[in-house]
Protein backbone atom coordinates (compact mmCIF):
# COMPACT_ATOMS: atom_id res chain seq x y z
CA MET A 1 67.59 -5.72 75.77
CA ASN A 2 70.11 -4.14 73.40
CA LYS A 3 68.71 -0.65 72.76
CA VAL A 4 69.26 2.55 70.84
CA PHE A 5 67.61 5.71 72.20
CA SER A 6 66.98 9.17 70.78
CA GLU A 7 68.24 12.31 72.48
CA ASN A 8 64.91 12.64 74.31
CA LYS A 9 65.19 9.02 75.54
CA THR A 10 62.64 7.53 73.11
CA LEU A 11 63.39 3.89 72.27
CA LEU A 12 64.32 3.86 68.59
CA LEU A 13 65.48 0.26 68.20
CA GLY A 14 65.64 -2.62 70.64
CA ILE A 15 66.43 -6.31 70.29
CA GLU A 16 66.48 -9.11 72.83
CA LYS A 17 66.88 -12.88 72.78
CA SER A 18 64.81 -14.70 75.35
CA GLU A 19 63.57 -18.07 76.54
CA ASN A 20 61.10 -16.46 78.91
CA ASN A 21 57.64 -15.62 77.63
CA SER A 22 56.65 -13.71 80.78
CA PHE A 23 56.43 -10.31 79.07
CA LEU A 24 53.91 -11.67 76.54
CA ASP A 25 51.86 -14.08 78.62
CA MET A 26 49.43 -11.25 79.37
CA PRO A 27 48.09 -8.70 76.85
CA VAL A 28 50.56 -5.86 76.32
CA GLN A 29 50.72 -2.80 74.05
CA PHE A 30 53.98 -1.37 72.73
CA SER A 31 54.60 2.05 71.21
CA GLU A 32 56.93 0.41 68.68
CA TYR A 33 56.53 -1.93 65.73
CA THR A 34 57.35 -5.41 66.99
CA VAL A 35 58.84 -8.39 65.14
CA LEU A 36 59.08 -11.70 67.00
CA LEU A 37 61.43 -14.33 65.57
CA ILE A 38 60.29 -17.65 67.06
CA SER A 39 63.16 -20.16 67.08
CA LYS A 40 61.66 -22.95 69.20
CA GLY A 41 58.24 -23.93 70.49
CA GLU A 42 54.65 -23.35 69.46
CA GLY A 43 51.71 -21.39 70.74
CA ILE A 44 48.70 -19.20 70.04
CA TYR A 45 49.34 -15.58 69.04
CA HIS A 46 46.58 -13.17 70.12
CA ALA A 47 46.56 -9.88 68.22
CA ASP A 48 43.65 -7.56 69.05
CA PHE A 49 40.51 -9.48 68.08
CA ALA A 50 42.07 -12.49 66.39
CA SER A 51 44.09 -15.55 67.38
CA PHE A 52 46.56 -17.52 65.24
CA ALA A 53 48.38 -20.77 65.90
CA PHE A 54 52.11 -20.84 65.12
CA LYS A 55 55.00 -23.27 65.33
CA ALA A 56 58.72 -22.50 65.14
CA PRO A 57 60.49 -21.40 63.11
CA ALA A 58 58.22 -18.46 62.39
CA ILE A 59 57.96 -14.67 62.57
CA LEU A 60 55.12 -12.71 64.17
CA PHE A 61 54.35 -9.00 63.66
CA SER A 62 52.45 -6.30 65.53
CA THR A 63 51.80 -2.60 65.02
CA PRO A 64 52.14 0.17 67.64
CA GLN A 65 49.54 0.00 70.41
CA GLN A 66 48.16 -3.29 69.14
CA SER A 67 47.18 -5.54 72.04
CA ILE A 68 49.20 -8.76 71.76
CA SER A 69 49.89 -11.83 73.88
CA ILE A 70 51.10 -15.40 73.41
CA LYS A 71 49.75 -18.55 74.98
CA GLU A 72 52.50 -21.16 75.02
CA ILE A 73 51.75 -24.70 73.94
CA THR A 74 55.40 -25.75 74.24
CA PRO A 75 58.24 -23.58 75.67
CA LEU A 76 59.37 -20.76 73.39
CA THR A 77 62.77 -19.46 72.40
CA TYR A 78 62.46 -16.17 70.53
CA THR A 79 64.02 -12.84 69.63
CA ALA A 80 62.04 -9.62 70.02
CA LEU A 81 62.95 -6.80 67.62
CA GLN A 82 61.22 -3.45 68.13
CA PHE A 83 61.58 -0.19 66.26
CA HIS A 84 59.91 3.19 66.57
CA GLY A 85 58.33 4.98 63.63
CA ASP A 86 60.74 7.84 64.21
CA PHE A 87 63.67 5.48 63.57
CA TYR A 88 62.35 3.70 60.50
CA CYS A 89 59.26 5.00 58.76
CA ILE A 90 57.67 2.08 56.94
CA GLU A 91 55.32 4.44 55.10
CA TYR A 92 58.22 6.48 53.74
CA HIS A 93 60.13 3.34 52.70
CA ARG A 94 57.07 1.51 51.46
CA LYS A 95 58.31 1.11 47.88
CA GLU A 96 61.55 -0.45 49.11
CA VAL A 97 60.09 -2.89 51.62
CA ALA A 98 56.40 -3.10 50.68
CA CYS A 99 55.52 -4.00 54.24
CA ASN A 100 52.98 -1.43 55.37
CA GLY A 101 49.63 -3.04 54.66
CA LEU A 102 51.25 -6.48 54.39
CA LEU A 103 53.34 -7.23 57.48
CA PHE A 104 51.75 -4.39 59.45
CA ASN A 105 48.38 -2.64 59.32
CA ASN A 106 46.55 -5.45 57.53
CA ILE A 107 43.26 -6.82 58.81
CA TYR A 108 42.93 -9.48 56.09
CA VAL A 109 45.98 -11.73 56.54
CA GLU A 110 47.59 -13.41 59.53
CA PRO A 111 50.46 -11.36 61.04
CA SER A 112 52.89 -14.27 60.75
CA ILE A 113 55.26 -16.07 58.40
CA LYS A 114 56.24 -19.72 58.54
CA LEU A 115 59.99 -20.15 57.93
CA THR A 116 62.16 -22.96 56.62
CA ASN A 117 65.25 -23.85 58.65
CA GLU A 118 67.44 -22.11 56.06
CA GLN A 119 65.35 -18.93 56.20
CA HIS A 120 65.44 -19.04 59.99
CA GLN A 121 69.23 -19.19 59.96
CA LEU A 122 69.36 -16.11 57.73
CA TYR A 123 67.21 -14.15 60.19
CA CYS A 124 69.36 -15.33 63.10
CA GLN A 125 72.45 -14.02 61.31
CA LEU A 126 70.80 -10.64 60.73
CA VAL A 127 69.74 -10.48 64.37
CA ASP A 128 73.31 -11.18 65.51
CA GLN A 129 74.62 -8.46 63.19
CA ILE A 130 72.17 -5.93 64.65
CA ILE A 131 73.20 -6.87 68.18
CA ASP A 132 76.89 -6.57 67.29
CA GLU A 133 76.32 -3.11 65.81
CA ILE A 134 74.33 -1.89 68.82
CA LYS A 135 77.16 -3.01 71.10
CA GLN A 136 79.66 -0.82 69.25
CA GLN A 137 80.85 2.24 71.15
CA THR A 138 79.08 4.44 68.61
CA PRO A 139 76.42 2.39 66.80
CA SER A 140 75.69 3.52 63.25
CA GLU A 141 72.02 4.26 62.74
CA ILE A 142 72.56 4.00 58.99
CA VAL A 143 73.87 0.44 59.36
CA LEU A 144 71.07 -0.49 61.77
CA ARG A 145 68.41 0.85 59.39
CA ALA A 146 69.99 -1.13 56.56
CA TYR A 147 69.76 -4.37 58.55
CA LEU A 148 66.20 -3.56 59.57
CA GLN A 149 65.22 -2.79 55.98
CA LEU A 150 66.72 -6.11 54.89
CA ILE A 151 64.67 -7.99 57.49
CA LEU A 152 61.47 -6.23 56.45
CA ALA A 153 62.15 -6.59 52.72
CA LYS A 154 62.89 -10.32 53.11
CA SER A 155 59.77 -10.74 55.23
CA SER A 156 57.63 -8.93 52.66
CA SER A 157 58.94 -11.19 49.90
CA LEU A 158 58.25 -14.34 51.92
CA LYS A 159 54.79 -13.11 52.88
CA ILE A 160 53.83 -12.36 49.28
CA THR A 161 55.07 -15.78 48.15
CA GLY A 162 53.28 -17.53 50.99
CA GLU A 163 50.00 -15.75 50.33
CA LYS A 164 50.13 -16.76 46.66
CA GLN A 165 50.81 -20.40 47.55
CA ASN A 166 48.04 -20.52 50.15
CA PHE A 167 45.54 -18.57 48.07
CA GLN A 168 42.12 -20.18 47.89
CA LYS A 169 39.66 -18.36 45.70
CA ASP A 170 36.48 -17.33 47.46
CA GLU A 171 34.52 -14.95 45.29
CA LYS A 172 32.13 -13.85 48.03
CA MET A 173 34.87 -13.05 50.53
CA ASP A 174 37.02 -11.40 47.87
CA GLN A 175 34.03 -9.22 47.06
CA PHE A 176 33.51 -8.52 50.76
CA LYS A 177 37.07 -7.15 50.98
CA ILE A 178 36.32 -4.80 48.09
CA LEU A 179 32.99 -3.72 49.57
CA LEU A 180 34.53 -3.14 52.99
CA GLU A 181 37.30 -0.96 51.55
CA GLU A 182 34.71 1.05 49.64
CA ASN A 183 32.09 1.41 52.37
CA PHE A 184 33.65 1.07 55.83
CA LEU A 185 32.99 4.74 56.54
CA THR A 186 29.25 4.46 55.94
CA LEU A 187 28.22 0.81 56.37
CA HIS A 188 28.88 -0.42 59.91
CA LYS A 189 26.60 -3.45 60.21
CA ALA A 190 27.35 -7.01 59.10
CA SER A 191 23.81 -7.23 57.72
CA ASP A 192 24.59 -4.37 55.31
CA TYR A 193 27.35 -6.41 53.66
CA ALA A 194 25.41 -9.68 53.80
CA SER A 195 22.64 -7.94 51.85
CA LEU A 196 25.05 -6.57 49.26
CA LEU A 197 26.51 -10.05 48.84
CA SER A 198 23.06 -11.69 48.66
CA MET A 199 23.99 -13.96 51.57
CA THR A 200 22.17 -14.92 54.74
CA ALA A 201 23.64 -13.47 57.93
CA ASN A 202 24.61 -16.92 59.23
CA ASN A 203 26.30 -18.03 56.02
CA PHE A 204 28.12 -14.70 55.73
CA THR A 205 29.46 -15.02 59.28
CA LYS A 206 30.56 -18.63 58.74
CA GLN A 207 32.40 -17.88 55.50
CA CYS A 208 34.03 -14.74 56.87
CA SER A 209 35.22 -16.55 60.00
CA LYS A 210 36.59 -19.39 57.91
CA ARG A 211 38.47 -17.08 55.52
CA PHE A 212 39.71 -14.37 57.90
CA ASN A 213 39.44 -16.04 61.30
CA LYS A 214 37.26 -13.08 62.37
CA THR A 215 33.57 -12.27 62.36
CA PRO A 216 32.21 -9.65 59.93
CA THR A 217 31.58 -7.28 62.82
CA GLN A 218 35.20 -7.60 63.94
CA MET A 219 36.39 -6.93 60.40
CA ILE A 220 34.24 -3.80 60.08
CA GLN A 221 35.37 -2.44 63.46
CA GLU A 222 39.02 -3.20 62.75
CA ARG A 223 38.91 -1.47 59.38
CA LEU A 224 37.45 1.70 60.86
CA ILE A 225 39.98 1.80 63.70
CA LEU A 226 42.81 1.04 61.29
CA GLU A 227 41.83 4.12 59.30
CA ALA A 228 41.72 6.16 62.49
CA LYS A 229 45.22 4.99 63.41
CA LYS A 230 46.50 5.91 59.96
CA GLN A 231 45.00 9.40 60.18
CA LEU A 232 46.51 9.93 63.62
CA HIS A 233 49.95 8.74 62.53
CA LEU A 234 50.15 9.91 58.92
CA THR A 235 48.50 13.33 59.09
CA ARG A 236 48.52 16.46 61.23
CA LEU A 237 44.73 16.67 61.26
CA SER A 238 43.24 17.48 64.64
CA ILE A 239 41.26 14.85 66.55
CA LYS A 240 38.11 16.79 65.68
CA GLU A 241 38.99 16.81 61.96
CA ILE A 242 39.72 13.07 62.00
CA ALA A 243 36.45 12.33 63.76
CA TYR A 244 34.61 14.35 61.08
CA ALA A 245 36.48 12.61 58.25
CA LEU A 246 35.56 9.21 59.69
CA LYS A 247 31.92 10.32 60.00
CA PHE A 248 31.63 10.11 63.78
CA GLN A 249 28.98 12.38 65.30
CA ASP A 250 31.64 14.30 67.25
CA GLU A 251 35.21 14.02 68.53
CA TYR A 252 34.10 12.85 71.98
CA TYR A 253 32.19 9.86 70.60
CA PHE A 254 35.15 9.09 68.32
CA SER A 255 37.51 9.16 71.31
CA ARG A 256 35.26 6.82 73.31
CA VAL A 257 35.02 4.30 70.47
CA PHE A 258 38.75 4.48 69.74
CA LYS A 259 39.69 3.93 73.38
CA LYS A 260 37.21 1.08 73.73
CA MET A 261 38.80 -0.67 70.75
CA THR A 262 42.47 0.10 71.41
CA LYS A 263 42.63 0.69 75.21
CA VAL A 264 44.27 4.09 74.60
CA SER A 265 42.88 7.50 73.65
CA PRO A 266 43.54 9.02 70.20
CA GLN A 267 45.75 11.62 71.87
CA THR A 268 47.82 8.94 73.61
CA PHE A 269 48.12 6.91 70.42
CA ARG A 270 49.41 9.93 68.50
CA LYS A 271 51.78 10.90 71.31
CA THR A 272 53.34 7.44 71.66
CA THR A 273 53.57 6.54 67.97
CA GLY A 274 54.42 10.02 66.73
CA ILE A 275 53.45 11.73 63.50
CA SER A 276 55.12 10.22 60.44
CA ILE A 277 57.40 12.23 58.21
CA VAL A 278 55.02 11.50 55.32
CA ALA A 279 52.50 13.87 56.97
CA ASP A 280 54.54 16.77 55.62
CA LEU A 281 55.52 15.37 52.22
CA SER A 282 52.57 16.96 50.45
CA LYS A 283 53.46 20.43 51.72
């Protein structure tokens, strides 16, 4: 892999072309944001609790410490691009690339984009330019960030366009999204939301699975853990303070739930992903 490291040997940016899916055939968790440009083949992308079918050309996304794997249907050719939050802070650059909550950290949409052949060629050119820059005797981090921002900005634009084209109005599920955002801290049972929506439990589960490819319980759990990840990454609150803010009975119960859902402790998640520069912007 072509890599750029920090002075303390943290991987800041890495990119690799491969025709070998061995490093993703079993669930794996990375400390970096990961973008997979699929050039050939098709498969099933497993990301935490959900699974999504894809066919080349396409792009897949994952957030730090998200458990991901790919089951090949036909042999894959792909490029893996990874970047650390210390190298490019998507929260800080959100206005420019609009990707946090769209490409990453989004429980409501599939973490993928279907590409045309022309769009695929553009991404391939950007990938080659990143590789060329990394191979320079003294790679420019400014140039590398510019290429990365272009990839993310283009991906955000394509994702927004694709979501508009594929949008199918579902008033109940649209309302569920609103209710979940408003109540995920206090309402933790699928039956709570089914009642608010005046739906039977079975019908609620069927419609939710059809719309989001996840059960209501999975959605509720994912939303709570997503908030925990944000607090760990975007603030300097202690684990105890975060547990209190998320209404867990104590920090030990919070840590057990978090580790059960993510396979890592809150402390390990914060250590590997780092604390974002936006944590200090309000000071």
